[in-house]
N, C-alpha and C. Protein backbone atom coordinates (compact mmCIF):
# COMPACT_ATOMS: atom_id res chain seq x y z
N MET A 1 91.98 66.61 119.91
CA MET A 1 91.64 66.72 118.49
C MET A 1 90.92 68.04 118.19
N GLN A 2 90.07 68.46 119.14
CA GLN A 2 89.36 69.71 118.96
C GLN A 2 90.32 70.88 118.92
N LYS A 3 91.36 70.86 119.76
CA LYS A 3 92.34 71.93 119.78
C LYS A 3 93.10 72.00 118.46
N ILE A 4 93.39 70.84 117.87
CA ILE A 4 94.08 70.81 116.57
C ILE A 4 93.20 71.45 115.50
N ALA A 5 91.91 71.14 115.54
CA ALA A 5 90.98 71.71 114.56
C ALA A 5 90.90 73.23 114.72
N ILE A 6 90.84 73.69 115.96
CA ILE A 6 90.81 75.13 116.22
C ILE A 6 92.09 75.79 115.72
N LEU A 7 93.22 75.15 115.98
CA LEU A 7 94.51 75.69 115.54
C LEU A 7 94.58 75.76 114.02
N TYR A 8 94.02 74.75 113.35
CA TYR A 8 94.02 74.75 111.88
C TYR A 8 93.23 75.96 111.37
N ASP A 9 92.06 76.19 111.94
CA ASP A 9 91.25 77.34 111.54
C ASP A 9 91.99 78.64 111.79
N ALA A 10 92.67 78.72 112.93
CA ALA A 10 93.44 79.92 113.27
C ALA A 10 94.57 80.14 112.27
N SER A 11 95.25 79.08 111.89
CA SER A 11 96.36 79.19 110.94
C SER A 11 95.87 79.66 109.58
N GLN A 12 94.71 79.14 109.16
CA GLN A 12 94.15 79.57 107.88
C GLN A 12 93.80 81.05 107.90
N ALA A 13 93.30 81.51 109.04
CA ALA A 13 92.97 82.94 109.16
C ALA A 13 94.21 83.80 109.03
N VAL A 14 95.31 83.35 109.61
CA VAL A 14 96.56 84.10 109.55
C VAL A 14 97.12 84.13 108.14
N LEU A 15 96.98 83.02 107.41
CA LEU A 15 97.57 82.90 106.08
C LEU A 15 96.68 83.49 104.98
N SER A 16 95.51 84.01 105.34
CA SER A 16 94.56 84.47 104.33
C SER A 16 94.77 85.91 103.91
N THR A 17 95.79 86.59 104.43
CA THR A 17 96.06 87.97 104.04
C THR A 17 97.55 88.17 103.84
N PHE A 18 97.90 89.17 103.00
CA PHE A 18 99.30 89.49 102.74
C PHE A 18 99.71 90.83 103.34
N ASP A 19 98.78 91.50 104.01
CA ASP A 19 99.11 92.78 104.64
C ASP A 19 99.82 92.51 105.96
N LEU A 20 101.04 93.04 106.11
CA LEU A 20 101.87 92.72 107.26
C LEU A 20 101.22 93.13 108.58
N ASP A 21 100.68 94.33 108.65
CA ASP A 21 100.06 94.78 109.89
C ASP A 21 98.86 93.92 110.27
N GLU A 22 98.11 93.51 109.25
CA GLU A 22 96.95 92.65 109.52
C GLU A 22 97.39 91.27 109.95
N VAL A 23 98.44 90.74 109.34
CA VAL A 23 98.98 89.45 109.75
C VAL A 23 99.42 89.49 111.21
N LEU A 24 100.16 90.52 111.58
CA LEU A 24 100.62 90.67 112.96
C LEU A 24 99.45 90.72 113.94
N GLN A 25 98.44 91.50 113.59
CA GLN A 25 97.28 91.65 114.47
C GLN A 25 96.54 90.33 114.63
N ARG A 26 96.39 89.59 113.54
CA ARG A 26 95.68 88.31 113.62
C ARG A 26 96.45 87.30 114.48
N ILE A 27 97.76 87.28 114.33
CA ILE A 27 98.57 86.36 115.14
C ILE A 27 98.37 86.66 116.63
N LEU A 28 98.43 87.95 116.96
CA LEU A 28 98.31 88.35 118.36
C LEU A 28 96.93 88.03 118.92
N VAL A 29 95.90 88.35 118.18
CA VAL A 29 94.54 88.12 118.66
C VAL A 29 94.27 86.63 118.84
N ILE A 30 94.71 85.82 117.87
CA ILE A 30 94.49 84.38 117.97
C ILE A 30 95.24 83.80 119.17
N ALA A 31 96.50 84.19 119.33
CA ALA A 31 97.29 83.68 120.46
C ALA A 31 96.66 84.09 121.79
N ARG A 32 96.23 85.34 121.86
CA ARG A 32 95.63 85.82 123.12
C ARG A 32 94.32 85.12 123.43
N ASP A 33 93.44 85.03 122.43
CA ASP A 33 92.09 84.51 122.68
C ASP A 33 92.06 82.99 122.79
N TYR A 34 92.80 82.30 121.94
CA TYR A 34 92.76 80.84 121.94
C TYR A 34 93.49 80.24 123.13
N PHE A 35 94.52 80.95 123.60
CA PHE A 35 95.34 80.39 124.67
C PHE A 35 95.22 81.18 125.98
N HIS A 36 94.26 82.12 126.00
CA HIS A 36 93.90 82.83 127.24
C HIS A 36 95.11 83.52 127.88
N LEU A 37 95.72 84.40 127.09
CA LEU A 37 96.92 85.10 127.54
C LEU A 37 96.60 86.54 127.93
N GLN A 38 97.31 87.03 128.94
CA GLN A 38 97.13 88.43 129.34
C GLN A 38 97.91 89.37 128.41
N ASN A 39 99.04 88.90 127.93
CA ASN A 39 99.87 89.73 127.06
C ASN A 39 100.58 88.84 126.05
N VAL A 40 100.60 89.29 124.81
CA VAL A 40 101.31 88.56 123.76
C VAL A 40 101.96 89.60 122.85
N ALA A 41 103.20 89.31 122.44
CA ALA A 41 103.95 90.28 121.63
C ALA A 41 104.73 89.55 120.54
N ILE A 42 104.96 90.26 119.45
CA ILE A 42 105.81 89.76 118.38
C ILE A 42 107.00 90.70 118.26
N LEU A 43 108.18 90.12 118.39
CA LEU A 43 109.42 90.87 118.20
C LEU A 43 110.08 90.37 116.92
N LEU A 44 110.46 91.28 116.05
CA LEU A 44 111.10 90.91 114.79
C LEU A 44 112.58 91.26 114.82
N LEU A 45 113.36 90.46 114.12
CA LEU A 45 114.81 90.61 114.14
C LEU A 45 115.26 91.76 113.24
N ASP A 46 116.08 92.64 113.82
CA ASP A 46 116.77 93.69 113.07
C ASP A 46 118.19 93.17 112.82
N LYS A 47 118.46 92.74 111.58
CA LYS A 47 119.75 92.11 111.28
C LYS A 47 120.92 93.09 111.40
N ASP A 48 120.65 94.37 111.21
CA ASP A 48 121.73 95.35 111.30
C ASP A 48 122.28 95.47 112.72
N THR A 49 121.40 95.35 113.71
CA THR A 49 121.81 95.50 115.11
C THR A 49 121.85 94.17 115.85
N ASN A 50 121.36 93.10 115.20
CA ASN A 50 121.25 91.78 115.83
C ASN A 50 120.39 91.85 117.10
N GLN A 51 119.33 92.65 117.00
CA GLN A 51 118.40 92.79 118.11
C GLN A 51 116.98 92.45 117.68
N LEU A 52 116.21 91.99 118.65
CA LEU A 52 114.79 91.74 118.44
C LEU A 52 114.02 92.96 118.91
N CYS A 53 113.18 93.52 118.04
CA CYS A 53 112.46 94.74 118.34
C CYS A 53 110.96 94.46 118.37
N THR A 54 110.29 94.99 119.36
CA THR A 54 108.85 94.81 119.45
C THR A 54 108.18 95.43 118.23
N ARG A 55 107.49 94.61 117.46
CA ARG A 55 106.78 95.09 116.26
C ARG A 55 105.31 95.34 116.55
N SER A 56 104.74 94.51 117.41
CA SER A 56 103.33 94.67 117.77
C SER A 56 103.05 93.87 119.03
N GLN A 57 102.11 94.34 119.86
CA GLN A 57 101.78 93.62 121.09
C GLN A 57 100.38 93.97 121.55
N LEU A 58 99.80 93.06 122.33
CA LEU A 58 98.47 93.25 122.89
C LEU A 58 98.51 92.99 124.39
N GLY A 59 97.82 93.82 125.13
CA GLY A 59 97.64 93.57 126.56
C GLY A 59 98.74 94.04 127.47
N GLY A 60 99.81 94.54 126.89
CA GLY A 60 100.94 94.97 127.71
C GLY A 60 101.00 96.47 127.89
N ASP A 61 101.86 96.89 128.77
CA ASP A 61 102.08 98.31 129.00
C ASP A 61 102.69 98.95 127.76
N HIS A 62 102.43 100.25 127.57
CA HIS A 62 102.96 100.94 126.39
C HIS A 62 104.49 100.98 126.39
N SER A 63 105.09 100.80 127.56
CA SER A 63 106.55 100.77 127.61
C SER A 63 107.11 99.57 126.87
N PHE A 64 106.30 98.54 126.62
CA PHE A 64 106.74 97.36 125.88
C PHE A 64 106.95 97.66 124.41
N ASP A 65 106.33 98.74 123.92
CA ASP A 65 106.35 99.02 122.48
C ASP A 65 107.75 99.29 121.95
N ASP A 66 108.64 99.82 122.78
CA ASP A 66 109.97 100.20 122.32
C ASP A 66 111.07 99.27 122.83
N VAL A 67 110.68 98.08 123.27
CA VAL A 67 111.67 97.15 123.82
C VAL A 67 112.55 96.57 122.71
N ARG A 68 113.85 96.50 122.97
CA ARG A 68 114.82 95.87 122.07
C ARG A 68 115.60 94.85 122.88
N VAL A 69 115.70 93.63 122.34
CA VAL A 69 116.37 92.54 123.05
C VAL A 69 117.51 92.02 122.18
N THR A 70 118.70 92.01 122.72
CA THR A 70 119.86 91.48 121.99
C THR A 70 119.81 89.95 121.97
N ILE A 71 120.12 89.39 120.81
CA ILE A 71 120.13 87.93 120.68
C ILE A 71 121.07 87.33 121.72
N GLY A 72 120.55 86.33 122.44
CA GLY A 72 121.37 85.64 123.44
C GLY A 72 121.23 86.19 124.84
N THR A 73 120.39 87.21 125.03
CA THR A 73 120.19 87.77 126.37
C THR A 73 118.72 87.65 126.77
N GLY A 74 118.48 87.30 128.04
CA GLY A 74 117.12 87.18 128.53
C GLY A 74 116.39 85.99 127.95
N LEU A 75 115.17 85.80 128.40
CA LEU A 75 114.36 84.67 127.96
C LEU A 75 114.14 84.70 126.45
N ILE A 76 113.76 85.85 125.93
CA ILE A 76 113.46 85.98 124.50
C ILE A 76 114.72 85.85 123.66
N GLY A 77 115.79 86.52 124.07
CA GLY A 77 117.03 86.48 123.30
C GLY A 77 117.66 85.10 123.25
N ILE A 78 117.56 84.35 124.35
CA ILE A 78 118.13 83.00 124.38
C ILE A 78 117.29 82.04 123.54
N ALA A 79 115.96 82.20 123.58
CA ALA A 79 115.09 81.38 122.74
C ALA A 79 115.42 81.58 121.26
N ALA A 80 115.69 82.83 120.88
CA ALA A 80 116.07 83.13 119.48
C ALA A 80 117.43 82.54 119.15
N ARG A 81 118.38 82.68 120.06
CA ARG A 81 119.73 82.16 119.82
C ARG A 81 119.73 80.64 119.67
N ASP A 82 118.99 79.96 120.55
CA ASP A 82 118.97 78.50 120.54
C ASP A 82 117.96 77.92 119.56
N LYS A 83 117.12 78.78 118.97
CA LYS A 83 116.13 78.36 117.98
C LYS A 83 115.18 77.29 118.53
N ARG A 84 114.76 77.50 119.75
CA ARG A 84 113.80 76.56 120.36
C ARG A 84 112.98 77.31 121.41
N PRO A 85 111.75 76.83 121.68
CA PRO A 85 110.91 77.49 122.69
C PRO A 85 111.57 77.45 124.06
N LEU A 86 111.37 78.51 124.83
CA LEU A 86 111.90 78.59 126.19
C LEU A 86 110.77 79.03 127.11
N TYR A 87 110.60 78.28 128.21
CA TYR A 87 109.44 78.48 129.06
C TYR A 87 109.86 78.66 130.52
N VAL A 88 109.29 79.70 131.15
CA VAL A 88 109.45 79.89 132.58
C VAL A 88 108.08 79.70 133.23
N PRO A 89 107.87 78.62 133.97
CA PRO A 89 106.56 78.36 134.58
C PRO A 89 106.19 79.36 135.67
N ASP A 90 107.21 79.84 136.43
CA ASP A 90 106.91 80.74 137.54
C ASP A 90 108.13 81.61 137.82
N PHE A 91 107.99 82.91 137.53
CA PHE A 91 109.13 83.81 137.71
C PHE A 91 109.54 83.97 139.17
N THR A 92 108.63 83.69 140.10
CA THR A 92 108.99 83.80 141.52
C THR A 92 109.91 82.67 141.95
N LYS A 93 109.96 81.61 141.14
CA LYS A 93 110.81 80.47 141.47
C LYS A 93 112.02 80.34 140.54
N ASP A 94 112.04 81.14 139.48
CA ASP A 94 113.15 81.10 138.52
C ASP A 94 113.64 82.53 138.33
N THR A 95 114.73 82.85 138.99
CA THR A 95 115.25 84.23 138.97
C THR A 95 116.28 84.48 137.88
N ARG A 96 116.45 83.51 136.99
CA ARG A 96 117.41 83.71 135.90
C ARG A 96 116.94 84.79 134.92
N TYR A 97 115.63 84.96 134.80
CA TYR A 97 115.07 85.89 133.84
C TYR A 97 114.16 86.89 134.54
N ALA A 98 114.10 88.08 133.98
CA ALA A 98 113.22 89.12 134.53
C ALA A 98 111.93 89.15 133.72
N PRO A 99 110.77 89.14 134.38
CA PRO A 99 109.49 89.16 133.65
C PRO A 99 109.20 90.54 133.08
N TRP A 100 108.43 90.57 132.01
CA TRP A 100 107.93 91.82 131.46
C TRP A 100 106.64 92.15 132.20
N GLY A 101 106.65 93.16 132.99
CA GLY A 101 105.46 93.55 133.73
C GLY A 101 105.42 92.89 135.10
N LYS A 102 105.00 93.63 136.10
CA LYS A 102 105.02 93.13 137.47
C LYS A 102 104.01 92.01 137.70
N ASN A 103 102.97 91.90 136.84
CA ASN A 103 101.94 90.88 137.04
C ASN A 103 102.22 89.58 136.29
N THR A 104 103.27 89.56 135.48
CA THR A 104 103.59 88.35 134.71
C THR A 104 104.18 87.28 135.63
N ARG A 105 103.56 86.10 135.62
CA ARG A 105 104.05 85.00 136.43
C ARG A 105 104.71 83.90 135.59
N SER A 106 104.18 83.68 134.38
CA SER A 106 104.77 82.66 133.50
C SER A 106 104.87 83.21 132.08
N GLU A 107 105.86 82.72 131.36
CA GLU A 107 106.08 83.23 129.99
C GLU A 107 106.67 82.13 129.11
N LEU A 108 106.21 82.14 127.86
CA LEU A 108 106.72 81.22 126.85
C LEU A 108 107.21 82.05 125.67
N ALA A 109 108.47 81.83 125.28
CA ALA A 109 109.06 82.52 124.12
C ALA A 109 109.28 81.49 123.01
N VAL A 110 108.63 81.70 121.86
CA VAL A 110 108.71 80.75 120.74
C VAL A 110 109.36 81.43 119.55
N PRO A 111 110.48 80.94 119.06
CA PRO A 111 111.13 81.54 117.89
C PRO A 111 110.25 81.43 116.65
N LEU A 112 110.26 82.45 115.85
CA LEU A 112 109.59 82.44 114.55
C LEU A 112 110.66 82.15 113.50
N MET A 113 110.51 81.01 112.82
CA MET A 113 111.57 80.53 111.93
C MET A 113 111.10 80.48 110.48
N VAL A 114 112.01 80.84 109.57
CA VAL A 114 111.79 80.69 108.14
C VAL A 114 113.03 80.04 107.55
N ARG A 115 112.89 78.80 107.09
CA ARG A 115 114.01 78.03 106.53
C ARG A 115 115.22 78.03 107.47
N ASP A 116 114.98 77.66 108.71
CA ASP A 116 116.00 77.54 109.74
C ASP A 116 116.65 78.87 110.12
N GLU A 117 116.04 79.95 109.71
CA GLU A 117 116.52 81.28 110.09
C GLU A 117 115.51 81.94 111.02
N VAL A 118 115.99 82.51 112.11
CA VAL A 118 115.11 83.21 113.04
C VAL A 118 114.74 84.58 112.48
N VAL A 119 113.45 84.85 112.39
CA VAL A 119 112.98 86.15 111.93
C VAL A 119 112.35 86.95 113.07
N GLY A 120 112.07 86.27 114.17
CA GLY A 120 111.47 86.96 115.30
C GLY A 120 111.13 85.99 116.42
N VAL A 121 110.38 86.48 117.39
CA VAL A 121 109.96 85.67 118.54
C VAL A 121 108.52 86.02 118.89
N LEU A 122 107.74 84.99 119.18
CA LEU A 122 106.39 85.17 119.71
C LEU A 122 106.47 85.01 121.22
N ALA A 123 106.22 86.09 121.95
CA ALA A 123 106.32 86.08 123.42
C ALA A 123 104.92 86.02 124.02
N CYS A 124 104.65 84.96 124.78
CA CYS A 124 103.33 84.73 125.36
C CYS A 124 103.44 84.80 126.89
N ARG A 125 102.62 85.65 127.50
CA ARG A 125 102.73 85.87 128.94
C ARG A 125 101.38 85.69 129.63
N SER A 126 101.46 85.19 130.87
CA SER A 126 100.25 84.99 131.66
C SER A 126 100.47 85.46 133.09
N GLU A 127 99.37 85.88 133.73
CA GLU A 127 99.44 86.26 135.14
C GLU A 127 99.34 85.03 136.06
N ASN A 128 99.11 83.88 135.44
CA ASN A 128 98.98 82.64 136.21
C ASN A 128 100.27 81.83 136.14
N PRO A 129 100.72 81.29 137.27
CA PRO A 129 101.88 80.39 137.22
C PRO A 129 101.50 79.07 136.55
N ASP A 130 102.48 78.46 135.91
CA ASP A 130 102.28 77.16 135.24
C ASP A 130 101.13 77.21 134.23
N HIS A 131 101.04 78.32 133.52
CA HIS A 131 99.92 78.49 132.59
C HIS A 131 100.04 77.59 131.37
N PHE A 132 101.25 77.28 130.96
CA PHE A 132 101.48 76.54 129.71
C PHE A 132 101.84 75.09 130.01
N ASP A 133 100.91 74.17 129.72
CA ASP A 133 101.25 72.76 129.86
C ASP A 133 101.93 72.28 128.58
N ARG A 134 102.33 71.04 128.56
CA ARG A 134 103.09 70.49 127.43
C ARG A 134 102.31 70.59 126.12
N GLU A 135 101.02 70.32 126.19
CA GLU A 135 100.19 70.38 124.99
C GLU A 135 100.08 71.80 124.46
N THR A 136 99.92 72.76 125.35
CA THR A 136 99.82 74.16 124.94
C THR A 136 101.12 74.64 124.31
N VAL A 137 102.24 74.25 124.89
CA VAL A 137 103.55 74.61 124.32
C VAL A 137 103.68 74.04 122.91
N ASP A 138 103.27 72.78 122.72
CA ASP A 138 103.35 72.16 121.40
C ASP A 138 102.44 72.86 120.39
N LEU A 139 101.24 73.21 120.82
CA LEU A 139 100.30 73.88 119.93
C LEU A 139 100.79 75.27 119.54
N LEU A 140 101.32 76.02 120.51
CA LEU A 140 101.84 77.34 120.21
C LEU A 140 103.08 77.26 119.31
N THR A 141 103.88 76.24 119.48
CA THR A 141 105.04 76.03 118.61
C THR A 141 104.58 75.74 117.19
N LEU A 142 103.55 74.91 117.06
CA LEU A 142 103.00 74.61 115.73
C LEU A 142 102.38 75.86 115.11
N PHE A 143 101.67 76.61 115.92
CA PHE A 143 101.05 77.85 115.43
C PHE A 143 102.12 78.85 115.00
N SER A 144 103.22 78.90 115.69
CA SER A 144 104.29 79.84 115.35
C SER A 144 104.88 79.52 113.97
N THR A 145 104.86 78.23 113.60
CA THR A 145 105.34 77.85 112.27
C THR A 145 104.46 78.47 111.19
N GLN A 146 103.15 78.38 111.39
CA GLN A 146 102.22 79.00 110.44
C GLN A 146 102.34 80.53 110.46
N ALA A 147 102.53 81.07 111.65
CA ALA A 147 102.69 82.52 111.77
C ALA A 147 103.94 82.99 111.03
N SER A 148 105.02 82.22 111.11
CA SER A 148 106.26 82.57 110.41
C SER A 148 106.05 82.58 108.91
N MET A 149 105.32 81.59 108.41
CA MET A 149 105.02 81.54 106.97
C MET A 149 104.21 82.75 106.55
N ALA A 150 103.23 83.13 107.36
CA ALA A 150 102.40 84.29 107.04
C ALA A 150 103.22 85.56 107.02
N LEU A 151 104.12 85.72 107.99
CA LEU A 151 104.98 86.90 108.03
C LEU A 151 105.89 86.95 106.81
N GLN A 152 106.45 85.81 106.42
CA GLN A 152 107.32 85.77 105.26
C GLN A 152 106.55 86.10 103.98
N ASN A 153 105.35 85.55 103.85
CA ASN A 153 104.52 85.85 102.67
C ASN A 153 104.21 87.34 102.59
N ALA A 154 103.87 87.92 103.74
CA ALA A 154 103.56 89.35 103.77
C ALA A 154 104.79 90.18 103.42
N HIS A 155 105.95 89.75 103.91
CA HIS A 155 107.20 90.46 103.61
C HIS A 155 107.51 90.41 102.11
N LEU A 156 107.39 89.23 101.51
CA LEU A 156 107.66 89.08 100.08
C LEU A 156 106.66 89.87 99.24
N TYR A 157 105.41 89.87 99.67
CA TYR A 157 104.38 90.63 98.96
C TYR A 157 104.69 92.13 99.01
N SER A 158 105.13 92.60 100.18
CA SER A 158 105.48 94.00 100.33
C SER A 158 106.65 94.37 99.42
N LEU A 159 107.66 93.50 99.35
CA LEU A 159 108.81 93.75 98.47
C LEU A 159 108.39 93.79 97.01
N GLU A 160 107.51 92.88 96.61
CA GLU A 160 107.06 92.84 95.22
C GLU A 160 106.27 94.10 94.86
N ARG A 161 105.44 94.56 95.79
CA ARG A 161 104.69 95.79 95.54
C ARG A 161 105.63 96.98 95.42
N ARG A 162 106.68 97.00 96.25
CA ARG A 162 107.63 98.10 96.20
C ARG A 162 108.38 98.10 94.86
N ARG A 163 108.80 96.90 94.42
CA ARG A 163 109.49 96.81 93.12
C ARG A 163 108.58 97.26 91.98
N ALA A 164 107.33 96.83 92.02
CA ALA A 164 106.38 97.21 90.97
C ALA A 164 106.18 98.72 90.95
N SER A 165 106.11 99.33 92.13
CA SER A 165 105.94 100.78 92.21
C SER A 165 107.16 101.51 91.65
N GLN A 166 108.36 101.02 92.00
CA GLN A 166 109.58 101.64 91.49
C GLN A 166 109.67 101.50 89.98
N SER A 167 109.31 100.32 89.47
CA SER A 167 109.34 100.10 88.02
C SER A 167 108.36 101.02 87.31
N ARG A 168 107.19 101.20 87.90
CA ARG A 168 106.19 102.08 87.32
C ARG A 168 106.68 103.52 87.30
N GLN A 169 107.33 103.96 88.38
CA GLN A 169 107.86 105.33 88.44
C GLN A 169 108.95 105.55 87.40
N LEU A 170 109.78 104.51 87.18
CA LEU A 170 110.83 104.62 86.16
C LEU A 170 110.24 104.75 84.77
N ARG A 171 109.18 103.98 84.49
CA ARG A 171 108.54 104.07 83.18
C ARG A 171 107.92 105.44 82.97
N ILE A 172 107.28 105.96 84.00
CA ILE A 172 106.68 107.30 83.90
C ILE A 172 107.75 108.35 83.66
N GLY A 173 108.90 108.20 84.36
CA GLY A 173 109.99 109.14 84.20
C GLY A 173 110.56 109.12 82.79
N ARG A 174 110.70 107.92 82.21
CA ARG A 174 111.22 107.81 80.85
C ARG A 174 110.25 108.42 79.84
N ASN A 175 108.96 108.22 80.06
CA ASN A 175 107.97 108.75 79.13
C ASN A 175 107.92 110.27 79.14
N HIS A 176 108.34 110.90 80.25
CA HIS A 176 108.30 112.35 80.36
C HIS A 176 109.64 113.02 80.03
N GLN A 177 110.64 112.23 79.68
CA GLN A 177 111.92 112.82 79.31
C GLN A 177 111.81 113.44 77.92
N PRO A 178 112.41 114.65 77.69
CA PRO A 178 112.35 115.27 76.35
C PRO A 178 113.12 114.43 75.34
N ARG A 179 112.56 114.32 74.15
CA ARG A 179 113.22 113.52 73.11
C ARG A 179 114.44 114.25 72.59
N ARG A 180 115.51 113.51 72.43
CA ARG A 180 116.75 114.10 71.89
C ARG A 180 116.71 114.02 70.37
N CYS A 181 116.91 115.16 69.71
CA CYS A 181 116.90 115.19 68.26
C CYS A 181 118.31 114.94 67.72
N SER A 182 118.41 114.11 66.73
CA SER A 182 119.71 113.86 66.12
C SER A 182 120.11 115.05 65.27
N ARG A 183 121.40 115.11 64.98
CA ARG A 183 121.90 116.22 64.15
C ARG A 183 121.27 116.20 62.78
N GLN A 184 121.06 114.97 62.24
CA GLN A 184 120.45 114.87 60.92
C GLN A 184 119.01 115.34 60.96
N HIS A 185 118.30 115.04 62.07
CA HIS A 185 116.92 115.49 62.22
C HIS A 185 116.85 117.02 62.25
N LEU A 186 117.79 117.68 62.94
CA LEU A 186 117.81 119.13 63.01
C LEU A 186 118.10 119.73 61.64
N ARG A 187 119.03 119.11 60.90
CA ARG A 187 119.37 119.61 59.57
C ARG A 187 118.16 119.52 58.65
N THR A 188 117.44 118.40 58.72
CA THR A 188 116.26 118.23 57.88
C THR A 188 115.19 119.25 58.25
N LYS A 189 114.96 119.46 59.57
CA LYS A 189 113.96 120.41 60.02
C LYS A 189 114.33 121.82 59.56
N PHE A 190 115.63 122.17 59.61
CA PHE A 190 116.06 123.49 59.17
C PHE A 190 115.75 123.71 57.70
N ARG A 191 115.98 122.66 56.88
CA ARG A 191 115.70 122.78 55.44
C ARG A 191 114.21 122.99 55.20
N LEU A 192 113.39 122.26 55.92
CA LEU A 192 111.95 122.38 55.73
C LEU A 192 111.44 123.76 56.12
N ASP A 193 112.05 124.33 57.16
CA ASP A 193 111.58 125.62 57.66
C ASP A 193 112.17 126.80 56.92
N ASN A 194 113.40 126.68 56.38
CA ASN A 194 114.11 127.83 55.84
C ASN A 194 114.56 127.66 54.40
N GLY A 195 114.10 126.68 53.71
CA GLY A 195 114.50 126.48 52.33
C GLY A 195 115.75 125.64 52.23
N PRO A 196 116.36 125.51 51.05
CA PRO A 196 117.53 124.64 50.86
C PRO A 196 118.67 125.07 51.76
N GLU A 197 119.32 124.07 52.32
CA GLU A 197 120.47 124.33 53.18
C GLU A 197 121.71 124.43 52.33
N LEU A 198 122.50 125.43 52.62
CA LEU A 198 123.72 125.64 51.85
C LEU A 198 124.93 125.22 52.65
N SER A 199 125.77 124.44 52.04
CA SER A 199 127.02 124.09 52.68
C SER A 199 128.03 125.16 52.35
N PRO A 200 129.13 125.24 53.07
CA PRO A 200 130.16 126.25 52.76
C PRO A 200 130.62 126.18 51.32
N GLY A 201 130.78 124.99 50.78
CA GLY A 201 131.21 124.85 49.39
C GLY A 201 130.20 125.42 48.43
N ASP A 202 128.94 125.17 48.69
CA ASP A 202 127.89 125.70 47.83
C ASP A 202 127.92 127.22 47.83
N GLY A 203 128.18 127.82 48.97
CA GLY A 203 128.21 129.28 49.07
C GLY A 203 129.33 129.85 48.26
N GLU A 204 130.47 129.21 48.30
CA GLU A 204 131.62 129.72 47.53
C GLU A 204 131.35 129.65 46.06
N VAL A 205 130.79 128.52 45.59
CA VAL A 205 130.49 128.38 44.15
C VAL A 205 129.49 129.43 43.72
N ALA A 206 128.47 129.61 44.51
CA ALA A 206 127.46 130.61 44.17
C ALA A 206 128.07 131.99 44.13
N GLY A 207 128.99 132.28 45.06
CA GLY A 207 129.63 133.58 45.09
C GLY A 207 130.46 133.81 43.84
N GLU A 208 131.20 132.79 43.40
CA GLU A 208 132.02 132.91 42.20
C GLU A 208 131.17 133.17 40.98
N LYS A 209 130.04 132.45 40.88
CA LYS A 209 129.18 132.63 39.73
C LYS A 209 128.60 134.05 39.70
N ASN A 210 128.25 134.53 40.85
CA ASN A 210 127.70 135.90 40.90
C ASN A 210 128.77 136.90 40.52
N HIS A 211 130.02 136.65 40.93
CA HIS A 211 131.10 137.55 40.59
C HIS A 211 131.34 137.58 39.09
N VAL A 212 131.23 136.44 38.43
CA VAL A 212 131.44 136.36 36.98
C VAL A 212 130.37 137.16 36.28
N ARG A 213 129.12 137.08 36.76
CA ARG A 213 128.02 137.80 36.09
C ARG A 213 128.24 139.30 36.18
N ARG A 214 128.83 139.77 37.32
CA ARG A 214 129.06 141.21 37.43
C ARG A 214 130.22 141.61 36.52
């Protein structure tokens, strides 16, 4: 029960901000500190390439920062493809997957889901074998649900801010455009500045009258 209460507090902390970078950092710190992990990473899905790309990580080598995982390959890619957590208790006994880092002994990959769509993966790693018991796996899975909601909220907030900025720029651009004067407006302005405007017909009549006077 105490772990559930702690997880609730952690989830509220994650959901209390709309800044994407801050959301990512809070997820990583909570996962690392609450579950005693040596390395934790968030990989987000790039739909154009169908790859999971490391967006942020703590405790790992800098080489992890540029990792890209194709959906359906490796521990992380298969967890994303199958939309369910995938756990390796001990890499020395399970050679199907390659660990990230030479000191990693156990790893849990939890898909981050939004309305049944995978948006990323939370990768949790430990230097200890059998680090994740059934309860820990369940808690991290529950936490990942809250983390997914926070990421989605931050994404929508970012889109809304971008739209508002674009709309503001368009309004500023319209306000600075030179006003187009109509032909009638120009004709009226010419009369005000230069006296009565003469049409070709008026000129001819005036010319005839002047000719008669001579």
